[in-house]
Structure formats: C-alpha cells, structure tokens
C-alpha atoms as a PDB file:
ATOM      1  CA  GLN A   1     -36.716 -26.367 -29.103  1.00  0.00           C
ATOM      2  CA  VAL A   2     -34.464 -24.827 -26.483  1.00  0.00           C
ATOM      3  CA  HIS A   3     -32.980 -27.067 -23.818  1.00  0.00           C
ATOM      4  CA  LEU A   4     -30.818 -26.220 -20.835  1.00  0.00           C
ATOM      5  CA  VAL A   5     -29.592 -29.283 -18.974  1.00  0.00           C
ATOM      6  CA  GLU A   6     -27.764 -28.908 -15.664  1.00  0.00           C
ATOM      7  CA  SER A   7     -25.544 -31.542 -14.114  1.00  0.00           C
ATOM      8  CA  GLY A   8     -22.993 -31.819 -11.320  1.00  0.00           C
ATOM      9  CA  GLY A   9     -25.142 -31.250  -8.276  1.00  0.00           C
ATOM     10  CA  GLY A  10     -25.036 -33.448  -5.208  1.00  0.00           C
ATOM     11  CA  LEU A  11     -24.189 -33.741  -1.544  1.00  0.00           C
ATOM     12  CA  VAL A  12     -20.932 -32.252  -0.283  1.00  0.00           C
ATOM     13  CA  GLN A  13     -19.457 -31.524   3.128  1.00  0.00           C
ATOM     14  CA  PRO A  14     -18.862 -27.940   4.280  1.00  0.00           C
ATOM     15  CA  GLY A  15     -15.634 -26.651   2.799  1.00  0.00           C
ATOM     16  CA  GLY A  16     -15.943 -28.932  -0.211  1.00  0.00           C
ATOM     17  CA  SER A  17     -16.291 -28.174  -3.907  1.00  0.00           C
ATOM     18  CA  LEU A  18     -18.674 -28.927  -6.752  1.00  0.00           C
ATOM     19  CA  ARG A  19     -18.802 -27.921 -10.388  1.00  0.00           C
ATOM     20  CA  LEU A  20     -22.125 -27.416 -12.103  1.00  0.00           C
ATOM     21  CA  SER A  21     -22.436 -27.646 -15.868  1.00  0.00           C
ATOM     22  CA  CYS A  22     -25.256 -26.483 -18.111  1.00  0.00           C
ATOM     23  CA  VAL A  23     -25.363 -27.682 -21.695  1.00  0.00           C
ATOM     24  CA  VAL A  24     -27.528 -25.554 -23.969  1.00  0.00           C
ATOM     25  CA  SER A  25     -29.112 -26.450 -27.290  1.00  0.00           C
ATOM     26  CA  GLY A  26     -31.633 -24.870 -29.622  1.00  0.00           C
ATOM     27  CA  LEU A  27     -30.303 -21.316 -29.545  1.00  0.00           C
ATOM     28  CA  THR A  28     -27.229 -19.366 -30.617  1.00  0.00           C
ATOM     29  CA  PHE A  29     -25.354 -19.814 -27.360  1.00  0.00           C
ATOM     30  CA  SER A  30     -22.627 -17.243 -27.990  1.00  0.00           C
ATOM     31  CA  THR A  31     -25.168 -14.421 -28.240  1.00  0.00           C
ATOM     32  CA  TYR A  32     -26.823 -15.097 -24.894  1.00  0.00           C
ATOM     33  CA  ALA A  33     -25.925 -13.909 -21.430  1.00  0.00           C
ATOM     34  CA  MET A  34     -25.748 -16.926 -19.143  1.00  0.00           C
ATOM     35  CA  ASN A  35     -26.640 -16.894 -15.487  1.00  0.00           C
ATOM     36  CA  TRP A  36     -26.836 -19.177 -12.497  1.00  0.00           C
ATOM     37  CA  TYR A  37     -29.663 -18.650 -10.014  1.00  0.00           C
ATOM     38  CA  ARG A  38     -30.486 -20.569  -6.862  1.00  0.00           C
ATOM     39  CA  GLN A  39     -33.523 -21.080  -4.703  1.00  0.00           C
ATOM     40  CA  ALA A  40     -33.394 -22.374  -1.149  1.00  0.00           C
ATOM     41  CA  PRO A  41     -36.479 -23.769   0.593  1.00  0.00           C
ATOM     42  CA  GLY A  42     -38.791 -20.972   1.671  1.00  0.00           C
ATOM     43  CA  LYS A  43     -36.731 -18.312  -0.075  1.00  0.00           C
ATOM     44  CA  GLU A  44     -36.981 -16.403  -3.332  1.00  0.00           C
ATOM     45  CA  ARG A  45     -34.856 -17.301  -6.322  1.00  0.00           C
ATOM     46  CA  GLU A  46     -31.672 -15.227  -6.366  1.00  0.00           C
ATOM     47  CA  LEU A  47     -28.982 -14.494  -8.926  1.00  0.00           C
ATOM     48  CA  VAL A  48     -25.696 -16.188  -8.025  1.00  0.00           C
ATOM     49  CA  ALA A  49     -23.473 -15.335 -10.990  1.00  0.00           C
ATOM     50  CA  GLY A  50     -23.737 -14.103 -14.555  1.00  0.00           C
ATOM     51  CA  ILE A  51     -21.523 -13.878 -17.627  1.00  0.00           C
ATOM     52  CA  THR A  52     -22.397 -11.773 -20.650  1.00  0.00           C
ATOM     53  CA  ARG A  53     -21.787 -12.665 -24.273  1.00  0.00           C
ATOM     54  CA  TYR A  54     -18.718 -10.433 -24.037  1.00  0.00           C
ATOM     55  CA  GLY A  55     -17.335 -12.223 -20.977  1.00  0.00           C
ATOM     56  CA  ASP A  56     -18.243  -9.624 -18.370  1.00  0.00           C
ATOM     57  CA  ILE A  57     -18.903 -11.336 -15.049  1.00  0.00           C
ATOM     58  CA  ASN A  58     -20.798 -10.488 -11.898  1.00  0.00           C
ATOM     59  CA  TYR A  59     -21.325 -12.368  -8.640  1.00  0.00           C
ATOM     60  CA  ALA A  60     -23.639 -12.140  -5.685  1.00  0.00           C
ATOM     61  CA  THR A  61     -21.804 -10.772  -2.676  1.00  0.00           C
ATOM     62  CA  SER A  62     -22.457 -13.996  -0.761  1.00  0.00           C
ATOM     63  CA  VAL A  63     -20.467 -16.113  -3.239  1.00  0.00           C
ATOM     64  CA  SER A  64     -17.831 -13.676  -4.465  1.00  0.00           C
ATOM     65  CA  GLY A  65     -14.355 -15.155  -4.013  1.00  0.00           C
ATOM     66  CA  ARG A  66     -15.702 -18.703  -3.672  1.00  0.00           C
ATOM     67  CA  PHE A  67     -17.615 -19.316  -6.915  1.00  0.00           C
ATOM     68  CA  THR A  68     -16.393 -18.943 -10.496  1.00  0.00           C
ATOM     69  CA  ILE A  69     -18.604 -18.773 -13.575  1.00  0.00           C
ATOM     70  CA  SER A  70     -17.211 -19.531 -17.019  1.00  0.00           C
ATOM     71  CA  ARG A  71     -18.490 -20.391 -20.471  1.00  0.00           C
ATOM     72  CA  ASP A  72     -17.291 -22.447 -23.424  1.00  0.00           C
ATOM     73  CA  ASN A  73     -18.974 -21.194 -26.565  1.00  0.00           C
ATOM     74  CA  ALA A  74     -17.553 -24.063 -28.625  1.00  0.00           C
ATOM     75  CA  GLU A  75     -19.287 -26.549 -26.325  1.00  0.00           C
ATOM     76  CA  ASN A  76     -22.436 -24.467 -25.684  1.00  0.00           C
ATOM     77  CA  THR A  77     -21.789 -24.926 -21.982  1.00  0.00           C
ATOM     78  CA  VAL A  78     -21.682 -22.693 -18.936  1.00  0.00           C
ATOM     79  CA  TYR A  79     -20.026 -23.761 -15.695  1.00  0.00           C
ATOM     80  CA  LEU A  80     -20.201 -22.795 -12.058  1.00  0.00           C
ATOM     81  CA  GLN A  81     -17.214 -23.848  -9.972  1.00  0.00           C
ATOM     82  CA  MET A  82     -18.188 -23.718  -6.310  1.00  0.00           C
ATOM     83  CA  ASN A  83     -15.455 -23.856  -3.671  1.00  0.00           C
ATOM     84  CA  SER A  84     -15.468 -23.478   0.118  1.00  0.00           C
ATOM     85  CA  LEU A  85     -19.111 -24.471   0.172  1.00  0.00           C
ATOM     86  CA  LYS A  86     -21.233 -23.556   3.186  1.00  0.00           C
ATOM     87  CA  PRO A  87     -24.499 -25.024   4.460  1.00  0.00           C
ATOM     88  CA  GLU A  88     -26.220 -21.797   3.414  1.00  0.00           C
ATOM     89  CA  ASP A  89     -25.291 -22.577  -0.199  1.00  0.00           C
ATOM     90  CA  THR A  90     -27.785 -25.447  -0.099  1.00  0.00           C
ATOM     91  CA  ALA A  91     -30.377 -24.805  -2.804  1.00  0.00           C
ATOM     92  CA  VAL A  92     -31.629 -25.829  -6.208  1.00  0.00           C
ATOM     93  CA  TYR A  93     -29.371 -24.186  -8.771  1.00  0.00           C
ATOM     94  CA  TYR A  94     -30.864 -23.104 -12.094  1.00  0.00           C
ATOM     95  CA  CYS A  95     -29.154 -22.288 -15.363  1.00  0.00           C
ATOM     96  CA  ASN A  96     -30.615 -19.292 -17.210  1.00  0.00           C
ATOM     97  CA  ALA A  97     -30.089 -17.959 -20.724  1.00  0.00           C
ATOM     98  CA  LYS A  98     -31.097 -14.400 -21.529  1.00  0.00           C
ATOM     99  CA  PHE A  99     -31.061 -12.300 -24.700  1.00  0.00           C
ATOM    100  CA  ALA A 100     -32.509  -8.813 -24.948  1.00  0.00           C
ATOM    101  CA  ALA A 101     -33.507  -7.496 -28.346  1.00  0.00           C
ATOM    102  CA  VAL A 102     -36.843  -5.987 -29.325  1.00  0.00           C
ATOM    103  CA  ARG A 103     -38.186  -8.439 -26.756  1.00  0.00           C
ATOM    104  CA  MET A 104     -36.592 -10.471 -24.015  1.00  0.00           C
ATOM    105  CA  TYR A 105     -35.780 -14.082 -24.730  1.00  0.00           C
ATOM    106  CA  GLU A 106     -35.266 -16.100 -21.550  1.00  0.00           C
ATOM    107  CA  TYR A 107     -34.940 -19.802 -20.891  1.00  0.00           C
ATOM    108  CA  TRP A 108     -34.434 -21.938 -17.779  1.00  0.00           C
ATOM    109  CA  GLY A 109     -33.014 -25.322 -16.961  1.00  0.00           C
ATOM    110  CA  GLN A 110     -34.752 -27.849 -14.744  1.00  0.00           C
ATOM    111  CA  GLY A 111     -32.480 -27.243 -11.770  1.00  0.00           C
ATOM    112  CA  ALA A 112     -29.777 -29.168  -9.920  1.00  0.00           C
ATOM    113  CA  GLN A 113     -29.885 -29.841  -6.195  1.00  0.00           C
ATOM    114  CA  VAL A 114     -26.816 -28.833  -4.197  1.00  0.00           C
ATOM    115  CA  THR A 115     -26.768 -29.890  -0.549  1.00  0.00           C
ATOM    116  CA  VAL A 116     -23.961 -28.846   1.780  1.00  0.00           C
ATOM    117  CA  SER A 117     -24.074 -30.842   4.983  1.00  0.00           C
ATOM    118  CA  SER A 118     -21.869 -32.843   7.288  1.00  0.00           C
END
C-alpha cells in the first residue's frame, strides 16, 4: 500500500515560516515526481511547487522566492520550506506523487492545514 503522510502544518503569524514534510512509503520514491498542492476554502486545488525525479523544480508565481521544495531520496521525504508567509497562503496543503509510464500513477496525502493569521 502507498502512503503519503504530511506533517508540519499549523498556525503562524504573517511573515513567519513553516516547513512541511511528506514521508512516502509503498513506492519507489526516487522514480516519482513530487509535488505540493494547496486548496483554500471555496477555491480549486492549485499546484504550489514540484520537483522531478531529476531534481528539476517549478513554483507557482505566487510563491516563487518565498517557498522552497526539496527531496531526500534516502529518507523518502519531500519538504516544502515556506517563508514570508501571507494570509493568502492559508490552505490545506497536499503532498502528491506522480509517475507517468504506460499509465499515470498518482497518489495523494491526507493534507496538512496551514493557517497564516495574526
């Protein structure tokens, strides 16, 4: 069975920082692209950041320069370092694993709440 378990969410003041972690089991982690998505109340889920199996990285424009995605293949873990947080970053953050072969393999974590408020 595949499991993606996020941790590190919480309540932080504007301008603060949080680091999300996602520990993955049940798949060959190093072969998967790893992504962080978020979904705010009343809004669609959006891609925040992604890192390919080769280490290529992309960010949403809204978080570029503030968030950093990284992965540790030895620990089967992907991270999202979030700095200079804004109230509009408030959302449930989801870890996503994706592998495209003959078919698409895609898995999701349960989500971690991030609330930015004073």
